Amino acid sequence: MPIDNIRLSQKARDQLVTLKRRTGIPHWNTLCRWAFCRSLSEPTPPPKAKHPADSNVQMDWRTFAGLHGDLYWALLRQRCHSDGLPLDDETLAQQFRVHLHRGIGYLVGDRSLRTITDLVNEAIDVPANVT
């Protein structure tokens, strides 16, 4: 995987703190997985944005993805392909970063998310974008 180290922006860190407090989910990586998948479920590509790596929240790919690293990587590659983007390492890393940050923003913006059950229910209600 070309993504060795994932470092979040301070804004994303603050949003994750809010999500941790709101949902009771204690681990950054769990929330980041949900956020990444939430962004992938959107039919529109994320806006091109620069997210500074200016927080103290960082994790390696294995911590983010756990046992399902190949699956998350395949989802990212499929999404980039569907969006007509090249599948080079730089593009994939950049798209991962914008999807992760967009997803964190979506989750924190949904004030109805209070528990893991709420996250699961949202996942069931959002149509999958992978074709």
Protein backbone atom coordinates (compact mmCIF):
# COMPACT_ATOMS: atom_id res chain seq x y z
CA MET A 1 0.00 0.00 0.00
CA PRO A 2 1.39 3.42 -0.84
CA ILE A 3 -0.24 4.84 2.29
CA ASP A 4 2.14 4.14 5.13
CA ASN A 5 1.23 6.85 7.59
CA ILE A 6 -2.11 8.61 7.93
CA ARG A 7 -2.02 11.96 9.67
CA LEU A 8 -5.15 14.01 10.12
CA SER A 9 -5.77 17.73 10.11
CA GLN A 10 -6.44 19.52 13.39
CA LYS A 11 -10.01 20.13 12.26
CA ALA A 12 -10.53 16.40 11.64
CA ARG A 13 -8.96 15.62 15.02
CA ASP A 14 -11.38 17.98 16.74
CA GLN A 15 -14.28 16.43 14.87
CA LEU A 16 -13.14 12.94 15.91
CA VAL A 17 -12.99 14.07 19.54
CA THR A 18 -16.61 15.19 19.19
CA LEU A 19 -17.57 11.87 17.60
CA LYS A 20 -15.80 9.89 20.32
CA ARG A 21 -17.65 11.84 23.00
CA ARG A 22 -20.97 11.63 21.19
CA THR A 23 -20.88 7.94 20.24
CA GLY A 24 -18.72 6.44 22.98
CA ILE A 25 -16.56 4.74 20.33
CA PRO A 26 -13.09 5.01 21.86
CA HIS A 27 -10.78 4.34 18.92
CA TRP A 28 -9.77 6.80 16.19
CA ASN A 29 -9.31 4.01 13.65
CA THR A 30 -12.85 2.69 14.10
CA LEU A 31 -14.34 6.12 13.53
CA CYS A 32 -12.03 6.71 10.57
CA ARG A 33 -13.14 3.46 8.94
CA TRP A 34 -16.77 4.52 9.25
CA ALA A 35 -15.92 7.97 7.91
CA PHE A 36 -14.03 6.60 4.92
CA CYS A 37 -16.89 4.28 3.99
CA ARG A 38 -19.43 7.07 4.53
CA SER A 39 -17.61 9.24 2.01
CA LEU A 40 -17.30 6.40 -0.48
CA SER A 41 -21.07 5.93 -0.33
CA GLU A 42 -21.64 9.43 -1.73
CA PRO A 43 -22.23 9.44 -5.48
CA THR A 44 -20.27 12.65 -6.06
CA PRO A 45 -16.49 12.82 -5.87
CA PRO A 46 -15.10 14.70 -2.89
CA PRO A 47 -13.99 18.25 -3.59
CA LYS A 48 -10.33 18.77 -4.25
CA ALA A 49 -9.01 20.17 -1.01
CA LYS A 50 -5.78 20.36 0.87
CA HIS A 51 -6.04 19.04 4.40
CA PRO A 52 -2.97 19.95 6.41
CA ALA A 53 -1.42 17.17 8.46
CA ASP A 54 -1.25 19.47 11.44
CA SER A 55 -2.64 17.36 14.28
CA ASN A 56 -1.10 14.80 16.58
CA VAL A 57 -3.49 12.08 15.35
CA GLN A 58 -1.67 9.64 13.16
CA MET A 59 -1.87 5.94 12.44
CA ASP A 60 -0.33 3.56 9.99
CA TRP A 61 -2.35 1.77 7.31
CA ARG A 62 -2.50 -1.45 9.34
CA THR A 63 -3.98 0.39 12.32
CA PHE A 64 -6.53 2.13 10.12
CA ALA A 65 -7.55 -0.93 8.12
CA GLY A 66 -6.99 -3.77 10.57
CA LEU A 67 -7.51 -7.20 9.06
CA HIS A 68 -9.43 -5.73 6.13
CA GLY A 69 -6.71 -3.64 4.52
CA ASP A 70 -7.07 -5.32 1.15
CA LEU A 71 -10.81 -4.65 1.16
CA TYR A 72 -10.44 -0.94 1.98
CA TRP A 73 -7.70 -0.66 -0.64
CA ALA A 74 -9.91 -2.34 -3.25
CA LEU A 75 -12.80 -0.02 -2.39
CA LEU A 76 -10.56 3.00 -2.84
CA ARG A 77 -9.20 1.74 -6.16
CA GLN A 78 -12.70 0.95 -7.43
CA ARG A 79 -13.95 4.39 -6.44
CA CYS A 80 -11.04 6.11 -8.17
CA HIS A 81 -11.67 4.00 -11.27
CA SER A 82 -15.39 4.87 -11.19
CA ASP A 83 -14.52 8.57 -10.84
CA GLY A 84 -12.23 8.34 -13.88
CA LEU A 85 -9.07 8.97 -11.88
CA PRO A 86 -5.68 7.37 -12.46
CA LEU A 87 -4.72 4.53 -10.16
CA ASP A 88 -1.20 5.72 -9.41
CA ASP A 89 0.05 5.80 -5.83
CA GLU A 90 -0.09 9.59 -5.52
CA THR A 91 -3.70 9.83 -6.70
CA LEU A 92 -4.81 6.95 -4.49
CA ALA A 93 -3.16 8.48 -1.42
CA GLN A 94 -4.67 11.88 -2.15
CA GLN A 95 -8.14 10.42 -2.73
CA PHE A 96 -7.93 8.40 0.46
CA ARG A 97 -7.13 11.56 2.37
CA VAL A 98 -9.99 13.63 0.91
CA HIS A 99 -12.48 10.79 1.36
CA LEU A 100 -11.41 10.32 4.97
CA HIS A 101 -11.71 14.00 5.79
CA ARG A 102 -15.03 14.37 3.96
CA GLY A 103 -16.42 11.34 5.77
CA ILE A 104 -15.38 12.66 9.17
CA GLY A 105 -17.16 15.91 8.33
CA TYR A 106 -20.31 14.05 7.31
CA LEU A 107 -20.36 11.97 10.48
CA VAL A 108 -19.82 14.89 12.83
CA GLY A 109 -22.45 16.90 10.94
CA ASP A 110 -25.09 14.25 11.57
CA ARG A 111 -26.17 14.99 15.13
CA SER A 112 -28.45 11.95 15.15
CA LEU A 113 -25.38 9.68 15.36
CA ARG A 114 -25.08 8.81 19.04
CA THR A 115 -24.19 5.11 19.12
CA ILE A 116 -22.68 2.34 17.05
CA THR A 117 -26.26 1.27 16.32
CA ASP A 118 -26.93 4.68 14.76
CA LEU A 119 -23.89 4.21 12.51
CA VAL A 120 -25.07 0.76 11.45
CA ASN A 121 -28.57 2.07 10.76
CA GLU A 122 -27.13 4.88 8.64
CA ALA A 123 -25.03 2.38 6.69
CA ILE A 124 -28.12 0.32 5.97
CA ASP A 125 -30.04 3.41 4.76
CA VAL A 126 -27.31 4.82 2.49
CA PRO A 127 -27.24 3.13 -0.95
CA ALA A 128 -23.87 1.71 -1.95
CA ASN A 129 -21.98 3.60 -4.66
CA VAL A 130 -19.69 0.78 -5.75
CA THR A 131 -20.69 -0.53 -9.16
